[in-house]
Amino acid sequence: MKKILETNRLLLREFDISDAESFYELNLNPNVIKYTGNSAFKDIDEAKSFLETYSDYQRNGYGRWAVINKSTQQFIGWCGLKYDEKLDEIDIGFRFFEHFWNQGFAIESAKACIDYGFEKLNLKTIVGRAIKENTASVKVLEKIGLQYEKGFDFDGQEGVIYKIENQIIE
């Protein structure tokens, strides 16, 4: 289990097979996946096989990471960067158990991921995509410094794309 970064309250590390149950439970909540375009895993085995075949770390050197609450050592969600080959862009994404919403964890972890992407990975641009109606996620994107770029069709719904440029490399 490779630790990636740490904030005041959180530890972000690579996924591991032991996360399968948490992963499964996270996507079970319809409120959590309401705006994602994803569906729930069929069972824990499906979540486990997703984790076993998750190859972003090997392929790109980064990916989505497990977010662990340092004070409780509890898996509270995930956050991280994802490279989309078709669009040739890197996006920031996050998903947390509902009982951890509105506690600043998404902002804290996503900001750390943006900084990591710019400072350690020398990424040039990071985007954030959300369904417009998902005002909580849109607020997170704005609070971590992304600017509205344009609207787009998000699986038949009105989506928004936000963007941030690396100021370190010009």
C-alpha atoms as a PDB file:
ATOM      1  CA  MET A   1       0.000   0.000   0.000  1.00  0.00           C
ATOM      2  CA  LYS A   2       1.780   3.053  -1.263  1.00  0.00           C
ATOM      3  CA  LYS A   3       1.162   6.339   0.538  1.00  0.00           C
ATOM      4  CA  ILE A   4       0.879   9.207  -1.946  1.00  0.00           C
ATOM      5  CA  LEU A   5       0.244  12.280   0.138  1.00  0.00           C
ATOM      6  CA  GLU A   6      -0.932  13.566   3.449  1.00  0.00           C
ATOM      7  CA  THR A   7      -2.947  16.580   4.581  1.00  0.00           C
ATOM      8  CA  ASN A   8      -3.793  17.758   8.100  1.00  0.00           C
ATOM      9  CA  ARG A   9      -6.608  15.238   8.491  1.00  0.00           C
ATOM     10  CA  LEU A  10      -6.181  12.821   5.616  1.00  0.00           C
ATOM     11  CA  LEU A  11      -3.887  10.231   4.160  1.00  0.00           C
ATOM     12  CA  LEU A  12      -4.166   9.414   0.443  1.00  0.00           C
ATOM     13  CA  ARG A  13      -2.811   6.072  -0.676  1.00  0.00           C
ATOM     14  CA  GLU A  14      -3.077   3.680  -3.584  1.00  0.00           C
ATOM     15  CA  PHE A  15      -6.094   1.369  -3.614  1.00  0.00           C
ATOM     16  CA  ASP A  16      -5.616  -2.099  -2.305  1.00  0.00           C
ATOM     17  CA  ILE A  17      -7.731  -5.267  -2.425  1.00  0.00           C
ATOM     18  CA  SER A  18      -8.672  -4.719   1.226  1.00  0.00           C
ATOM     19  CA  ASP A  19     -10.673  -1.671   0.059  1.00  0.00           C
ATOM     20  CA  ALA A  20     -13.165  -3.872  -1.838  1.00  0.00           C
ATOM     21  CA  GLU A  21     -15.859  -3.876   0.850  1.00  0.00           C
ATOM     22  CA  SER A  22     -15.642  -0.091   1.380  1.00  0.00           C
ATOM     23  CA  PHE A  23     -15.671   0.458  -2.376  1.00  0.00           C
ATOM     24  CA  TYR A  24     -18.735  -1.724  -2.746  1.00  0.00           C
ATOM     25  CA  GLU A  25     -20.563   0.051   0.107  1.00  0.00           C
ATOM     26  CA  LEU A  26     -19.638   3.514  -1.203  1.00  0.00           C
ATOM     27  CA  ASN A  27     -21.332   2.891  -4.559  1.00  0.00           C
ATOM     28  CA  LEU A  28     -24.365   1.249  -2.927  1.00  0.00           C
ATOM     29  CA  ASN A  29     -25.693   4.629  -1.795  1.00  0.00           C
ATOM     30  CA  PRO A  30     -27.834   6.071  -4.631  1.00  0.00           C
ATOM     31  CA  ASN A  31     -27.085   9.616  -3.387  1.00  0.00           C
ATOM     32  CA  VAL A  32     -23.346   9.010  -3.758  1.00  0.00           C
ATOM     33  CA  ILE A  33     -23.550   7.799  -7.364  1.00  0.00           C
ATOM     34  CA  LYS A  34     -26.545   9.939  -8.399  1.00  0.00           C
ATOM     35  CA  TYR A  35     -24.476  12.326 -10.542  1.00  0.00           C
ATOM     36  CA  THR A  36     -21.636  10.027 -11.588  1.00  0.00           C
ATOM     37  CA  GLY A  37     -22.973   8.002 -14.478  1.00  0.00           C
ATOM     38  CA  ASN A  38     -21.749   4.908 -12.586  1.00  0.00           C
ATOM     39  CA  SER A  39     -23.849   2.113 -11.182  1.00  0.00           C
ATOM     40  CA  ALA A  40     -23.374   0.150  -7.993  1.00  0.00           C
ATOM     41  CA  PHE A  41     -21.152  -2.918  -7.999  1.00  0.00           C
ATOM     42  CA  LYS A  42     -23.124  -6.177  -8.157  1.00  0.00           C
ATOM     43  CA  ASP A  43     -21.306  -7.494  -5.076  1.00  0.00           C
ATOM     44  CA  ILE A  44     -18.033  -7.237  -3.166  1.00  0.00           C
ATOM     45  CA  ASP A  45     -16.372  -9.594  -5.674  1.00  0.00           C
ATOM     46  CA  GLU A  46     -17.127  -7.190  -8.510  1.00  0.00           C
ATOM     47  CA  ALA A  47     -15.590  -4.327  -6.486  1.00  0.00           C
ATOM     48  CA  LYS A  48     -12.596  -6.566  -5.748  1.00  0.00           C
ATOM     49  CA  SER A  49     -12.084  -7.419  -9.409  1.00  0.00           C
ATOM     50  CA  PHE A  50     -12.301  -3.696 -10.282  1.00  0.00           C
ATOM     51  CA  LEU A  51      -9.503  -3.025  -7.779  1.00  0.00           C
ATOM     52  CA  GLU A  52      -7.437  -5.990  -9.004  1.00  0.00           C
ATOM     53  CA  THR A  53      -7.533  -4.729 -12.585  1.00  0.00           C
ATOM     54  CA  TYR A  54      -7.144  -1.021 -11.759  1.00  0.00           C
ATOM     55  CA  SER A  55      -4.057  -0.173 -13.807  1.00  0.00           C
ATOM     56  CA  ASP A  56      -3.858   3.645 -13.710  1.00  0.00           C
ATOM     57  CA  TYR A  57      -0.896   3.664 -11.295  1.00  0.00           C
ATOM     58  CA  GLN A  58       1.208   1.453 -13.559  1.00  0.00           C
ATOM     59  CA  ARG A  59       0.049   3.107 -16.778  1.00  0.00           C
ATOM     60  CA  ASN A  60       0.136   6.775 -15.777  1.00  0.00           C
ATOM     61  CA  GLY A  61       2.000   6.967 -12.480  1.00  0.00           C
ATOM     62  CA  TYR A  62      -1.101   8.287 -10.692  1.00  0.00           C
ATOM     63  CA  GLY A  63      -4.828   7.641 -10.397  1.00  0.00           C
ATOM     64  CA  ARG A  64      -7.672   7.757  -7.950  1.00  0.00           C
ATOM     65  CA  TRP A  65      -6.507   7.202  -4.367  1.00  0.00           C
ATOM     66  CA  ALA A  66      -8.120   5.898  -1.198  1.00  0.00           C
ATOM     67  CA  VAL A  67      -8.792   8.692   1.301  1.00  0.00           C
ATOM     68  CA  ILE A  68      -8.161   7.635   4.895  1.00  0.00           C
ATOM     69  CA  ASN A  69      -9.163   9.712   7.922  1.00  0.00           C
ATOM     70  CA  LYS A  70      -5.908   9.894   9.911  1.00  0.00           C
ATOM     71  CA  SER A  71      -7.613  10.123  13.308  1.00  0.00           C
ATOM     72  CA  THR A  72      -9.748   6.978  12.795  1.00  0.00           C
ATOM     73  CA  GLN A  73      -7.753   5.125  10.068  1.00  0.00           C
ATOM     74  CA  GLN A  74     -11.110   4.770   8.294  1.00  0.00           C
ATOM     75  CA  PHE A  75     -11.608   4.647   4.502  1.00  0.00           C
ATOM     76  CA  ILE A  76     -13.921   7.619   3.884  1.00  0.00           C
ATOM     77  CA  GLY A  77     -13.885   7.765   0.082  1.00  0.00           C
ATOM     78  CA  TRP A  78     -11.548   8.342  -2.818  1.00  0.00           C
ATOM     79  CA  CYS A  79     -10.022  11.278  -4.624  1.00  0.00           C
ATOM     80  CA  GLY A  80      -7.436  11.681  -7.324  1.00  0.00           C
ATOM     81  CA  LEU A  81      -6.410  12.290 -10.878  1.00  0.00           C
ATOM     82  CA  LYS A  82      -7.385  10.300 -13.940  1.00  0.00           C
ATOM     83  CA  TYR A  83      -5.972  10.462 -17.439  1.00  0.00           C
ATOM     84  CA  ASP A  84      -8.567  10.098 -20.196  1.00  0.00           C
ATOM     85  CA  GLU A  85      -6.798   8.856 -23.320  1.00  0.00           C
ATOM     86  CA  LYS A  86      -9.711   9.626 -25.651  1.00  0.00           C
ATOM     87  CA  LEU A  87      -9.868  13.267 -24.563  1.00  0.00           C
ATOM     88  CA  ASP A  88      -6.141  13.540 -23.761  1.00  0.00           C
ATOM     89  CA  GLU A  89      -6.882  15.280 -20.481  1.00  0.00           C
ATOM     90  CA  ILE A  90      -6.480  14.741 -16.765  1.00  0.00           C
ATOM     91  CA  ASP A  91      -9.421  15.203 -14.467  1.00  0.00           C
ATOM     92  CA  ILE A  92      -9.801  15.530 -10.723  1.00  0.00           C
ATOM     93  CA  GLY A  93     -12.453  13.307  -9.191  1.00  0.00           C
ATOM     94  CA  PHE A  94     -13.722  12.505  -5.724  1.00  0.00           C
ATOM     95  CA  ARG A  95     -16.380  10.406  -4.044  1.00  0.00           C
ATOM     96  CA  PHE A  96     -17.094  10.146  -0.313  1.00  0.00           C
ATOM     97  CA  PHE A  97     -19.482   8.282   1.954  1.00  0.00           C
ATOM     98  CA  GLU A  98     -22.504  10.515   2.496  1.00  0.00           C
ATOM     99  CA  HIS A  99     -21.972  10.803   6.265  1.00  0.00           C
ATOM    100  CA  PHE A 100     -18.637  12.517   5.503  1.00  0.00           C
ATOM    101  CA  TRP A 101     -20.152  15.159   3.220  1.00  0.00           C
ATOM    102  CA  ASN A 102     -19.965  18.842   4.245  1.00  0.00           C
ATOM    103  CA  GLN A 103     -16.884  18.343   6.417  1.00  0.00           C
ATOM    104  CA  GLY A 104     -14.360  19.736   3.955  1.00  0.00           C
ATOM    105  CA  PHE A 105     -12.793  16.362   3.089  1.00  0.00           C
ATOM    106  CA  ALA A 106     -13.433  16.694  -0.663  1.00  0.00           C
ATOM    107  CA  ILE A 107     -11.878  20.175  -0.740  1.00  0.00           C
ATOM    108  CA  GLU A 108      -8.912  19.150   1.432  1.00  0.00           C
ATOM    109  CA  SER A 109      -8.093  16.017  -0.573  1.00  0.00           C
ATOM    110  CA  ALA A 110      -8.829  17.482  -4.034  1.00  0.00           C
ATOM    111  CA  LYS A 111      -6.683  20.570  -3.364  1.00  0.00           C
ATOM    112  CA  ALA A 112      -3.836  18.293  -2.263  1.00  0.00           C
ATOM    113  CA  CYS A 113      -4.251  16.237  -5.462  1.00  0.00           C
ATOM    114  CA  ILE A 114      -4.139  19.371  -7.643  1.00  0.00           C
ATOM    115  CA  ASP A 115      -0.963  20.540  -5.874  1.00  0.00           C
ATOM    116  CA  TYR A 116       0.566  17.076  -6.231  1.00  0.00           C
ATOM    117  CA  GLY A 117      -0.337  16.998  -9.933  1.00  0.00           C
ATOM    118  CA  PHE A 118       1.289  20.359 -10.570  1.00  0.00           C
ATOM    119  CA  GLU A 119       4.300  20.159  -8.227  1.00  0.00           C
ATOM    120  CA  LYS A 120       5.248  16.468  -8.384  1.00  0.00           C
ATOM    121  CA  LEU A 121       3.877  15.334 -11.753  1.00  0.00           C
ATOM    122  CA  ASN A 122       4.406  18.625 -13.639  1.00  0.00           C
ATOM    123  CA  LEU A 123       0.949  18.397 -15.190  1.00  0.00           C
ATOM    124  CA  LYS A 124      -0.010  21.392 -17.291  1.00  0.00           C
ATOM    125  CA  THR A 125      -3.815  21.408 -16.962  1.00  0.00           C
ATOM    126  CA  ILE A 126      -6.357  19.620 -14.775  1.00  0.00           C
ATOM    127  CA  VAL A 127     -10.088  19.628 -15.480  1.00  0.00           C
ATOM    128  CA  GLY A 128     -13.114  18.824 -13.373  1.00  0.00           C
ATOM    129  CA  ARG A 129     -16.385  17.570 -14.824  1.00  0.00           C
ATOM    130  CA  ALA A 130     -19.725  17.556 -13.082  1.00  0.00           C
ATOM    131  CA  ILE A 131     -23.409  17.501 -13.783  1.00  0.00           C
ATOM    132  CA  LYS A 132     -24.510  21.122 -13.367  1.00  0.00           C
ATOM    133  CA  GLU A 133     -27.235  20.120 -10.913  1.00  0.00           C
ATOM    134  CA  ASN A 134     -24.548  18.628  -8.624  1.00  0.00           C
ATOM    135  CA  THR A 135     -23.917  21.959  -6.925  1.00  0.00           C
ATOM    136  CA  ALA A 136     -21.852  20.428  -4.095  1.00  0.00           C
ATOM    137  CA  SER A 137     -19.239  19.057  -6.514  1.00  0.00           C
ATOM    138  CA  VAL A 138     -19.263  22.258  -8.557  1.00  0.00           C
ATOM    139  CA  LYS A 139     -18.576  24.213  -5.338  1.00  0.00           C
ATOM    140  CA  VAL A 140     -15.630  21.939  -4.546  1.00  0.00           C
ATOM    141  CA  LEU A 141     -14.167  22.532  -8.018  1.00  0.00           C
ATOM    142  CA  GLU A 142     -14.509  26.297  -7.554  1.00  0.00           C
ATOM    143  CA  LYS A 143     -13.050  26.256  -4.032  1.00  0.00           C
ATOM    144  CA  ILE A 144      -9.945  24.378  -5.190  1.00  0.00           C
ATOM    145  CA  GLY A 145      -9.281  26.973  -7.866  1.00  0.00           C
ATOM    146  CA  LEU A 146     -10.813  25.597 -11.046  1.00  0.00           C
ATOM    147  CA  GLN A 147     -12.568  28.059 -13.348  1.00  0.00           C
ATOM    148  CA  TYR A 148     -15.684  27.378 -15.412  1.00  0.00           C
ATOM    149  CA  GLU A 149     -14.733  26.639 -18.993  1.00  0.00           C
ATOM    150  CA  LYS A 150     -17.833  25.344 -20.791  1.00  0.00           C
ATOM    151  CA  GLY A 151     -20.939  23.219 -20.670  1.00  0.00           C
ATOM    152  CA  PHE A 152     -21.156  19.761 -22.223  1.00  0.00           C
ATOM    153  CA  ASP A 153     -23.539  16.831 -22.614  1.00  0.00           C
ATOM    154  CA  PHE A 154     -22.973  14.578 -19.575  1.00  0.00           C
ATOM    155  CA  ASP A 155     -24.842  11.381 -20.485  1.00  0.00           C
ATOM    156  CA  GLY A 156     -27.894  13.358 -21.624  1.00  0.00           C
ATOM    157  CA  GLN A 157     -27.751  15.854 -18.753  1.00  0.00           C
ATOM    158  CA  GLU A 158     -26.318  19.343 -18.607  1.00  0.00           C
ATOM    159  CA  GLY A 159     -22.684  19.070 -17.560  1.00  0.00           C
ATOM    160  CA  VAL A 160     -19.994  21.627 -16.773  1.00  0.00           C
ATOM    161  CA  ILE A 161     -16.249  21.532 -17.302  1.00  0.00           C
ATOM    162  CA  TYR A 162     -13.936  23.462 -15.008  1.00  0.00           C
ATOM    163  CA  LYS A 163     -10.220  23.889 -15.553  1.00  0.00           C
ATOM    164  CA  ILE A 164      -7.038  24.965 -13.797  1.00  0.00           C
ATOM    165  CA  GLU A 165      -3.641  25.646 -15.361  1.00  0.00           C
ATOM    166  CA  ASN A 166      -0.333  24.962 -13.685  1.00  0.00           C
ATOM    167  CA  GLN A 167       1.110  28.374 -12.764  1.00  0.00           C
ATOM    168  CA  ILE A 168       4.533  26.894 -11.941  1.00  0.00           C
ATOM    169  CA  ILE A 169       5.296  25.914 -15.542  1.00  0.00           C
ATOM    170  CA  GLU A 170       4.481  28.427 -18.214  1.00  0.00           C
END
